[in-house]
Protein backbone atom coordinates (compact mmCIF):
# COMPACT_ATOMS: atom_id res chain seq x y z
CA MET A 1 -5.20 -8.97 1.60
CA GLU A 2 -1.84 -10.85 1.84
CA ILE A 3 -1.01 -11.41 5.99
CA LYS A 4 2.63 -12.50 7.14
CA TYR A 5 4.11 -13.19 9.92
CA ILE A 6 7.71 -12.10 10.63
CA TYR A 7 10.67 -12.77 13.29
CA ASN A 8 12.46 -9.60 14.09
CA GLN A 9 15.09 -8.62 16.53
CA THR A 10 13.89 -4.93 17.78
CA PRO A 11 14.89 -3.38 20.86
CA LEU A 12 12.31 -4.99 22.78
CA GLY A 13 13.90 -8.79 21.88
CA TRP A 14 13.11 -11.16 19.59
CA VAL A 15 9.48 -10.95 18.85
CA TRP A 16 6.75 -12.06 16.08
CA GLN A 17 5.43 -9.34 13.83
CA LEU A 18 2.89 -8.81 11.52
CA VAL A 19 2.72 -7.85 7.53
CA ILE A 20 -0.55 -6.71 6.23
CA ASP A 21 0.08 -6.38 2.36
CA GLY A 22 3.39 -4.66 3.14
CA TYR A 23 2.93 -2.48 5.59
CA GLU A 24 4.94 -3.82 8.64
CA PHE A 25 3.36 -3.13 12.28
CA PHE A 26 5.89 -2.40 14.91
CA TYR A 27 2.87 -3.04 17.42
CA PRO A 28 1.56 -5.91 18.08
CA CYS A 29 4.39 -8.00 18.43
CA GLY A 30 5.16 -11.11 20.82
CA ASP A 31 3.98 -14.64 20.69
CA LEU A 32 2.97 -15.61 17.54
CA LYS A 33 -0.09 -17.67 18.81
CA ALA A 34 -1.39 -14.55 20.12
CA LEU A 35 -0.39 -12.57 17.47
CA LYS A 36 -2.41 -14.44 15.33
CA LYS A 37 -5.06 -14.84 17.77
CA PHE A 38 -5.10 -10.71 17.51
CA VAL A 39 -5.25 -10.67 14.28
CA LYS A 40 -8.42 -12.55 13.95
CA SER A 41 -10.09 -10.68 16.87
CA GLU A 42 -9.14 -7.38 15.61
CA LEU A 43 -8.18 -6.78 11.82
CA GLU A 44 -10.55 -3.87 11.69
CA VAL A 45 -8.48 -2.07 14.27
CA LEU A 46 -5.15 -3.23 12.25
CA LEU A 47 -6.63 -2.23 9.05
CA ASP A 48 -7.88 1.45 10.08
CA LYS A 49 -4.17 2.01 11.53
CA LYS A 50 -2.99 1.02 8.13
CA GLU A 51 -4.95 3.41 6.41
CA SER A 52 -4.32 6.35 9.02
CA ASP A 53 -2.17 9.28 8.81
CA SER A 54 -2.02 9.97 12.45
CA ASN A 55 0.54 8.73 15.05
CA HIS A 56 -2.21 7.03 17.33
CA GLY A 57 -1.89 3.73 18.28
CA LEU A 58 -3.65 0.31 18.45
CA ALA A 59 -5.37 1.28 21.39
CA PHE A 60 -6.54 4.40 20.57
CA HIS A 61 -7.79 2.94 17.48
CA ALA A 62 -9.79 -0.01 18.90
CA CYS A 63 -11.52 2.68 22.29
CA GLY A 64 -11.13 6.11 21.00
CA TYR A 65 -10.33 8.51 23.82
CA ASN A 66 -11.46 6.84 26.62
CA SER A 67 -8.18 6.22 28.35
CA GLN A 68 -9.64 3.36 30.94
CA ALA A 69 -10.54 1.28 27.86
CA GLN A 70 -6.89 2.06 26.06
CA GLN A 71 -5.20 0.91 29.35
CA GLU A 72 -7.51 -2.47 29.74
CA PHE A 73 -6.82 -3.25 25.76
CA ILE A 74 -3.49 -2.80 26.23
CA SER A 75 -3.38 -5.13 29.48
CA TYR A 76 -5.60 -7.55 28.39
CA TRP A 77 -2.96 -8.51 25.30
CA GLU A 78 -0.02 -8.30 27.46
CA LYS A 79 -1.58 -11.13 29.45
CA GLN A 80 -2.26 -12.96 26.45
CA GLY A 81 1.85 -12.38 25.39
CA LEU A 82 1.27 -9.25 23.03
CA THR A 83 2.87 -5.96 23.19
CA VAL A 84 0.29 -3.17 21.75
CA PHE A 85 0.33 0.90 21.87
C-alpha cells in the first residue's frame, strides 16, 4: 500500500490531503501532523471509504448511522487540525 501526502489548493485554502494507492481523498484535509495521526488511527475507515461505492462521508464510515457519534468524530478531528466529513 502506497500512502502519500500532497499539499493542494482547495476551496478550503491550501491544505494537506491524502493519496492511498492513487486514490485521492478530498477529506480528511488540513494540518500534516494531524493528517498523519488520522491515517495511523483510522486507516480501516479510510480503506472502507476508498472501496465503497456510496457517497457517505468518513464520519459515516467510522460511526454508522449514529449522527451524534458522527458529530463527535468530526469535532474531535477538527480540534486536531483536520476537516473530515
